[in-house]
Amino acid sequence: MSSLLVFPGQGAQQPGMLQRLPPSPEVLACLQEAGEVLGQDVLQLDSPQALASTRAVQLCLLIAGVATARTLLQSAATVDYVAGLSIGAYPAAVVAGALEFADALRLVSLRGELMQQAYPQGYGMTALIGLELAAVEALLAQVHSRDMPVYLANINADSQVVIAGSDAAMQAVAERARRSGAGVARRLAVSVPSHCPLLEQPAQALAAAFAEVRLQVPRIGYLSGSRARPMRGVEQLRDDLACNMCRVVDWRGTVQSAYERGVRLQIELPPGAVLTGLARRVFEQGTVIAFDGARLDTLQALLREEGNRDR
């Protein structure tokens, strides 16, 4: 039996999310290092006003993920796999030992700026719940054009997908989806069209920055959220992290892959519990739980128990 830590993507952010982190030595050290690397007070990144910025959102998710994971994994608790949805791949790579936290901070700062500069307004992402993937792909084909770009972005579950594109194109797809029987068409708190070809140029710019950064073979199994499989090679990891912004997220496949590899405990790092809800659709046995709202000692005991079973 194995365990998995998962890190949420953009859209999960919450005002005050850094202020609410547990006051552990690991959290305080991460906040201090982040402030020194970025040259700013990182506790100002999670205000409602600051979170209007893609850069601030992504940095908050990185800092919160790394800080709480390090808190969780002290006291002899260990984990077998990590995986992150979109920006969540960065704290996953840090916790896996593949990417230094300081390098991740600089890269994520650049990532957010590149994405926001490419599409400052008029674009975003919308979740469609209640339609199968084939039905959504048919709707996209009806709407997509050069002037109305819209693409598949995330496969989150059997009947939950996310699309990305221009506001007008997403609205047109949402209207068709409702007429086709989709239960929900909900605009996400994401101001850029992630995980589609619209972000290929920003991804290339980020890849150039990644070429200057040293990565290492992960010490913990790293599951790619876009490839839905483990990655160990440094160049594979570099490509996965740099270019995941313009590739479809297969989160359904990632969670299924983890389950097929024997994972029976999934813990979602802050903020929120969206990935916990999605995992319950895949996990026929085992435990899925979110860090938020749970006792730290309970989570650590679950990790130790799963580790003992593995042995």
Protein backbone atom coordinates (compact mmCIF):
# COMPACT_ATOMS: atom_id res chain seq x y z
CA MET A 1 0.00 0.00 0.00
CA SER A 2 1.20 3.52 -0.79
CA SER A 3 0.40 7.14 0.02
CA LEU A 4 0.04 10.24 -2.13
CA LEU A 5 0.18 13.98 -1.46
CA VAL A 6 -1.74 16.12 -3.96
CA PHE A 7 -1.46 19.87 -4.52
CA PRO A 8 -4.35 21.94 -5.93
CA GLY A 9 -4.22 24.29 -8.88
CA GLN A 10 -5.28 27.85 -9.57
CA GLY A 11 -8.89 28.44 -8.61
CA ALA A 12 -8.39 26.88 -5.16
CA GLN A 13 -6.86 30.06 -3.72
CA GLN A 14 -8.54 31.76 -0.75
CA PRO A 15 -8.00 35.21 0.78
CA GLY A 16 -5.89 34.86 3.92
CA MET A 17 -4.65 31.40 2.98
CA LEU A 18 -1.08 32.11 4.05
CA GLN A 19 -2.22 33.81 7.26
CA ARG A 20 -4.08 30.62 8.26
CA LEU A 21 -1.16 28.24 7.85
CA PRO A 22 -0.19 26.42 11.06
CA PRO A 23 2.58 28.28 12.95
CA SER A 24 5.03 25.38 12.67
CA PRO A 25 8.80 25.87 12.34
CA GLU A 26 8.55 24.53 8.77
CA VAL A 27 5.87 27.07 7.81
CA LEU A 28 7.77 29.97 9.36
CA ALA A 29 10.98 28.92 7.59
CA CYS A 30 9.19 28.73 4.22
CA LEU A 31 7.61 32.15 4.68
CA GLN A 32 10.97 33.64 5.62
CA GLU A 33 12.79 32.05 2.68
CA ALA A 34 10.06 33.10 0.26
CA GLY A 35 10.26 36.69 1.48
CA GLU A 36 14.04 36.75 1.07
CA VAL A 37 13.98 35.22 -2.44
CA LEU A 38 11.14 37.40 -3.72
CA GLY A 39 12.22 40.55 -1.90
CA GLN A 40 8.76 41.27 -0.49
CA ASP A 41 6.46 40.51 2.42
CA VAL A 42 4.78 37.34 1.17
CA LEU A 43 1.98 37.67 3.73
CA GLN A 44 0.67 40.50 1.56
CA LEU A 45 0.20 38.15 -1.39
CA ASP A 46 -3.04 36.59 -0.11
CA SER A 47 -5.24 39.68 0.28
CA PRO A 48 -8.35 39.78 -1.94
CA GLN A 49 -6.77 42.61 -3.92
CA ALA A 50 -3.45 40.82 -4.39
CA LEU A 51 -5.15 37.59 -5.49
CA ALA A 52 -6.47 39.38 -8.56
CA SER A 53 -2.92 38.81 -9.86
CA THR A 54 -2.06 35.44 -11.43
CA ARG A 55 1.47 35.78 -10.06
CA ALA A 56 0.26 36.24 -6.48
CA VAL A 57 -2.17 33.33 -6.73
CA GLN A 58 0.45 30.93 -8.01
CA LEU A 59 3.04 31.99 -5.44
CA CYS A 60 0.51 31.53 -2.63
CA LEU A 61 -0.31 28.02 -3.82
CA LEU A 62 3.39 27.14 -4.06
CA ILE A 63 4.24 28.51 -0.61
CA ALA A 64 1.21 26.95 1.09
CA GLY A 65 1.85 23.56 -0.50
CA VAL A 66 5.53 23.34 0.37
CA ALA A 67 5.10 24.74 3.89
CA THR A 68 2.29 22.40 4.91
CA ALA A 69 3.86 19.36 3.26
CA ARG A 70 7.10 19.94 5.15
CA THR A 71 5.10 20.32 8.35
CA LEU A 72 3.26 17.07 7.64
CA LEU A 73 6.38 15.09 6.77
CA GLN A 74 8.32 15.83 9.91
CA SER A 75 7.93 13.52 12.90
CA ALA A 76 8.92 10.38 10.95
CA ALA A 77 5.97 10.58 8.53
CA THR A 78 6.83 9.62 4.94
CA VAL A 79 5.00 9.56 1.61
CA ASP A 80 5.44 7.48 -1.55
CA TYR A 81 4.08 9.78 -4.30
CA VAL A 82 3.31 13.43 -4.99
CA ALA A 83 1.21 14.99 -7.75
CA GLY A 84 -0.02 18.49 -8.49
CA LEU A 85 -2.72 19.96 -10.68
CA SER A 86 -1.21 22.67 -12.91
CA ILE A 87 0.70 25.08 -10.62
CA GLY A 88 0.42 22.33 -7.99
CA ALA A 89 3.13 20.46 -9.88
CA TYR A 90 5.68 22.96 -8.54
CA PRO A 91 5.21 22.30 -4.81
CA ALA A 92 5.00 18.60 -5.72
CA ALA A 93 8.42 18.79 -7.41
CA VAL A 94 9.90 20.67 -4.44
CA VAL A 95 8.57 18.13 -1.93
CA ALA A 96 9.84 15.29 -4.14
CA GLY A 97 13.34 16.78 -3.93
CA ALA A 98 13.55 17.46 -7.66
CA LEU A 99 13.45 21.28 -7.50
CA GLU A 100 14.86 23.67 -4.91
CA PHE A 101 12.24 25.85 -3.20
CA ALA A 102 14.14 29.05 -4.03
CA ASP A 103 14.27 28.11 -7.73
CA ALA A 104 10.57 27.22 -7.67
CA LEU A 105 9.74 30.65 -6.22
CA ARG A 106 11.61 32.46 -9.00
CA LEU A 107 10.15 30.25 -11.74
CA VAL A 108 6.59 30.52 -10.45
CA SER A 109 6.91 34.29 -10.15
CA LEU A 110 7.95 34.37 -13.80
CA ARG A 111 5.28 31.83 -14.79
CA GLY A 112 2.50 33.94 -13.32
CA GLU A 113 3.78 37.11 -14.95
CA LEU A 114 4.11 35.46 -18.38
CA MET A 115 0.61 34.02 -18.23
CA GLN A 116 -0.98 37.25 -17.09
CA GLN A 117 0.87 39.38 -19.64
CA ALA A 118 -0.20 37.08 -22.47
CA TYR A 119 -3.91 37.39 -21.63
CA PRO A 120 -4.58 40.31 -19.27
CA GLN A 121 -8.34 40.21 -19.85
CA GLY A 122 -11.13 38.60 -21.85
CA TYR A 123 -10.05 34.99 -21.26
CA GLY A 124 -10.34 32.34 -18.59
CA MET A 125 -11.61 28.86 -17.71
CA THR A 126 -15.04 27.28 -17.15
CA ALA A 127 -15.93 23.96 -15.50
CA LEU A 128 -18.60 21.81 -17.13
CA ILE A 129 -20.21 19.21 -14.85
CA GLY A 130 -22.66 16.61 -16.09
CA LEU A 131 -21.43 15.95 -19.64
CA GLU A 132 -19.13 13.19 -20.82
CA LEU A 133 -15.82 14.10 -22.46
CA ALA A 134 -16.99 13.17 -25.98
CA ALA A 135 -20.02 15.44 -25.67
CA VAL A 136 -17.85 18.38 -24.55
CA GLU A 137 -15.41 17.81 -27.40
CA ALA A 138 -18.33 17.94 -29.84
CA LEU A 139 -19.48 21.27 -28.39
CA LEU A 140 -15.96 22.69 -28.63
CA ALA A 141 -15.81 21.72 -32.29
CA GLN A 142 -19.06 23.61 -32.91
CA VAL A 143 -17.83 26.84 -31.30
CA HIS A 144 -14.05 27.03 -31.77
CA SER A 145 -12.71 29.37 -34.43
CA ARG A 146 -9.83 31.79 -34.87
CA ASP A 147 -11.95 34.64 -33.47
CA MET A 148 -13.65 32.44 -30.84
CA PRO A 149 -10.88 30.20 -29.48
CA VAL A 150 -11.88 27.58 -26.91
CA TYR A 151 -10.18 24.31 -25.96
CA LEU A 152 -10.37 21.34 -23.64
CA ALA A 153 -8.17 22.13 -20.61
CA ASN A 154 -8.76 19.66 -17.75
CA ILE A 155 -10.23 16.17 -17.50
CA ASN A 156 -11.08 16.15 -13.81
CA ALA A 157 -13.54 13.25 -13.61
CA ASP A 158 -15.81 11.14 -15.81
CA SER A 159 -18.41 13.90 -16.06
CA GLN A 160 -16.39 16.95 -15.05
CA VAL A 161 -14.14 18.76 -17.49
CA VAL A 162 -12.75 22.28 -17.76
CA ILE A 163 -12.52 24.37 -20.91
CA ALA A 164 -10.31 27.40 -21.59
CA GLY A 165 -10.54 30.23 -24.07
CA SER A 166 -12.11 33.60 -24.75
CA ASP A 167 -15.03 34.77 -22.63
CA ALA A 168 -17.38 34.80 -25.62
CA ALA A 169 -16.40 31.31 -26.77
CA MET A 170 -16.73 29.81 -23.29
CA GLN A 171 -20.14 31.43 -22.88
CA ALA A 172 -21.26 29.91 -26.18
CA VAL A 173 -20.08 26.45 -25.12
CA ALA A 174 -21.73 26.85 -21.71
CA GLU A 175 -25.06 27.74 -23.30
CA ARG A 176 -24.90 24.69 -25.56
CA ALA A 177 -23.86 22.53 -22.63
CA ARG A 178 -26.87 23.61 -20.60
CA ARG A 179 -29.16 22.79 -23.50
CA SER A 180 -27.45 19.39 -23.73
CA GLY A 181 -28.14 18.62 -20.09
CA ALA A 182 -24.99 19.71 -18.24
CA GLY A 183 -25.85 20.21 -14.61
CA VAL A 184 -23.40 23.05 -14.04
CA ALA A 185 -21.37 25.44 -16.20
CA ARG A 186 -19.29 27.44 -13.72
CA ARG A 187 -16.69 30.10 -14.46
CA LEU A 188 -13.55 29.46 -12.43
CA ALA A 189 -11.46 32.00 -10.51
CA VAL A 190 -8.75 31.83 -13.19
CA SER A 191 -8.13 34.85 -15.40
CA VAL A 192 -5.98 33.13 -18.04
CA PRO A 193 -6.73 30.33 -20.55
CA SER A 194 -4.51 27.64 -19.05
CA HIS A 195 -3.76 24.17 -20.43
CA CYS A 196 -4.35 24.86 -24.08
CA PRO A 197 -2.37 26.03 -27.15
CA LEU A 198 -3.08 29.69 -26.31
CA LEU A 199 -0.22 29.50 -23.78
CA GLU A 200 2.40 27.88 -26.00
CA GLN A 201 4.50 31.06 -26.31
CA PRO A 202 4.60 31.77 -22.54
CA ALA A 203 5.51 28.11 -22.02
CA GLN A 204 8.46 28.45 -24.40
CA ALA A 205 9.67 31.53 -22.50
CA LEU A 206 9.41 29.64 -19.21
CA ALA A 207 11.25 26.67 -20.71
CA ALA A 208 14.15 29.00 -21.57
CA ALA A 209 14.32 30.06 -17.90
CA PHE A 210 14.13 26.42 -16.80
CA ALA A 211 17.19 25.63 -18.89
CA GLU A 212 19.25 27.65 -16.38
CA VAL A 213 17.92 25.77 -13.33
CA ARG A 214 19.38 22.59 -11.85
CA LEU A 215 16.91 19.77 -11.25
CA GLN A 216 17.53 16.43 -9.57
CA VAL A 217 16.06 12.95 -9.79
CA PRO A 218 13.09 12.96 -7.38
CA ARG A 219 13.48 11.11 -4.09
CA ILE A 220 9.69 10.62 -3.92
CA GLY A 221 7.62 9.33 -6.82
CA TYR A 222 6.51 12.29 -8.97
CA LEU A 223 3.28 11.75 -10.94
CA SER A 224 2.75 14.12 -13.86
CA GLY A 225 -0.69 15.71 -13.86
CA SER A 226 -0.68 16.00 -17.64
CA ARG A 227 0.94 12.67 -18.52
CA ALA A 228 -0.76 10.72 -15.70
CA ARG A 229 2.36 8.65 -15.04
CA PRO A 230 5.53 8.76 -12.94
CA MET A 231 8.52 10.77 -14.18
CA ARG A 232 12.08 10.30 -12.98
CA GLY A 233 14.30 11.72 -15.71
CA VAL A 234 15.52 15.27 -15.10
CA GLU A 235 14.80 16.41 -18.65
CA GLN A 236 11.33 14.84 -18.52
CA LEU A 237 10.64 16.77 -15.33
CA ARG A 238 11.98 20.01 -16.78
CA ASP A 239 9.67 19.69 -19.79
CA ASP A 240 6.70 18.67 -17.66
CA LEU A 241 7.01 21.65 -15.32
CA ALA A 242 7.82 24.26 -17.94
CA CYS A 243 5.12 23.26 -20.40
CA ASN A 244 2.24 22.04 -18.26
CA MET A 245 0.58 25.46 -18.66
CA CYS A 246 -0.19 24.68 -22.32
CA ARG A 247 -1.04 20.96 -21.97
CA VAL A 248 -4.33 19.33 -21.05
CA VAL A 249 -4.50 18.21 -17.41
CA ASP A 250 -5.57 14.58 -17.06
CA TRP A 251 -6.32 14.58 -13.35
CA ARG A 252 -8.76 11.69 -13.66
CA GLY A 253 -5.98 9.62 -15.23
CA THR A 254 -3.43 10.77 -12.64
CA VAL A 255 -5.55 9.68 -9.68
CA GLN A 256 -6.44 6.41 -11.43
CA SER A 257 -2.74 5.81 -12.10
CA ALA A 258 -1.94 6.35 -8.42
CA TYR A 259 -4.69 3.95 -7.35
CA GLU A 260 -3.48 1.29 -9.79
CA ARG A 261 0.01 1.65 -8.27
CA GLY A 262 -1.32 0.72 -4.86
CA VAL A 263 -2.05 4.16 -3.38
CA ARG A 264 -4.72 3.84 -0.70
CA LEU A 265 -4.16 7.11 1.15
CA GLN A 266 -4.42 10.51 -0.51
CA ILE A 267 -3.88 13.73 1.44
CA GLU A 268 -4.68 17.07 -0.21
CA LEU A 269 -2.52 20.01 0.82
CA PRO A 270 -4.06 23.47 1.33
CA PRO A 271 -6.07 25.27 0.37
CA GLY A 272 -9.43 23.51 0.14
CA ALA A 273 -10.64 20.02 -0.63
CA VAL A 274 -11.59 19.98 -4.33
CA LEU A 275 -9.11 17.22 -5.19
CA THR A 276 -10.35 15.20 -2.23
CA GLY A 277 -13.85 15.18 -3.70
CA LEU A 278 -12.56 14.13 -7.11
CA ALA A 279 -10.48 11.27 -5.65
CA ARG A 280 -13.48 9.69 -3.94
CA ARG A 281 -14.81 8.81 -7.38
CA VAL A 282 -11.71 6.71 -8.07
CA PHE A 283 -10.75 5.27 -4.68
CA GLU A 284 -12.84 2.14 -4.17
CA GLN A 285 -10.88 1.41 -1.01
CA GLY A 286 -8.65 3.47 1.24
CA THR A 287 -8.77 7.01 2.56
CA VAL A 288 -8.90 10.45 0.94
CA ILE A 289 -8.62 13.45 3.23
CA ALA A 290 -7.72 17.15 3.10
CA PHE A 291 -5.14 18.85 5.31
CA ASP A 292 -7.58 21.70 5.89
CA GLY A 293 -9.94 20.75 8.69
CA ALA A 294 -7.94 17.71 9.83
CA ARG A 295 -5.66 17.28 12.83
CA LEU A 296 -1.97 17.25 11.99
CA ASP A 297 -1.24 14.30 14.29
CA THR A 298 -4.07 12.32 12.67
CA LEU A 299 -2.65 12.87 9.19
CA GLN A 300 0.84 11.90 10.34
CA ALA A 301 -0.51 8.74 11.97
CA LEU A 302 -2.27 7.82 8.72
CA LEU A 303 0.98 8.23 6.79
CA ARG A 304 2.94 6.13 9.27
CA GLU A 305 0.24 3.44 9.24
CA GLU A 306 0.25 3.28 5.44
CA GLY A 307 4.05 3.13 5.45
CA ASN A 308 4.02 0.23 7.90
CA ARG A 309 1.57 -1.68 5.68
CA ASP A 310 3.86 -1.12 2.74
CA ARG A 311 6.69 -2.77 4.62
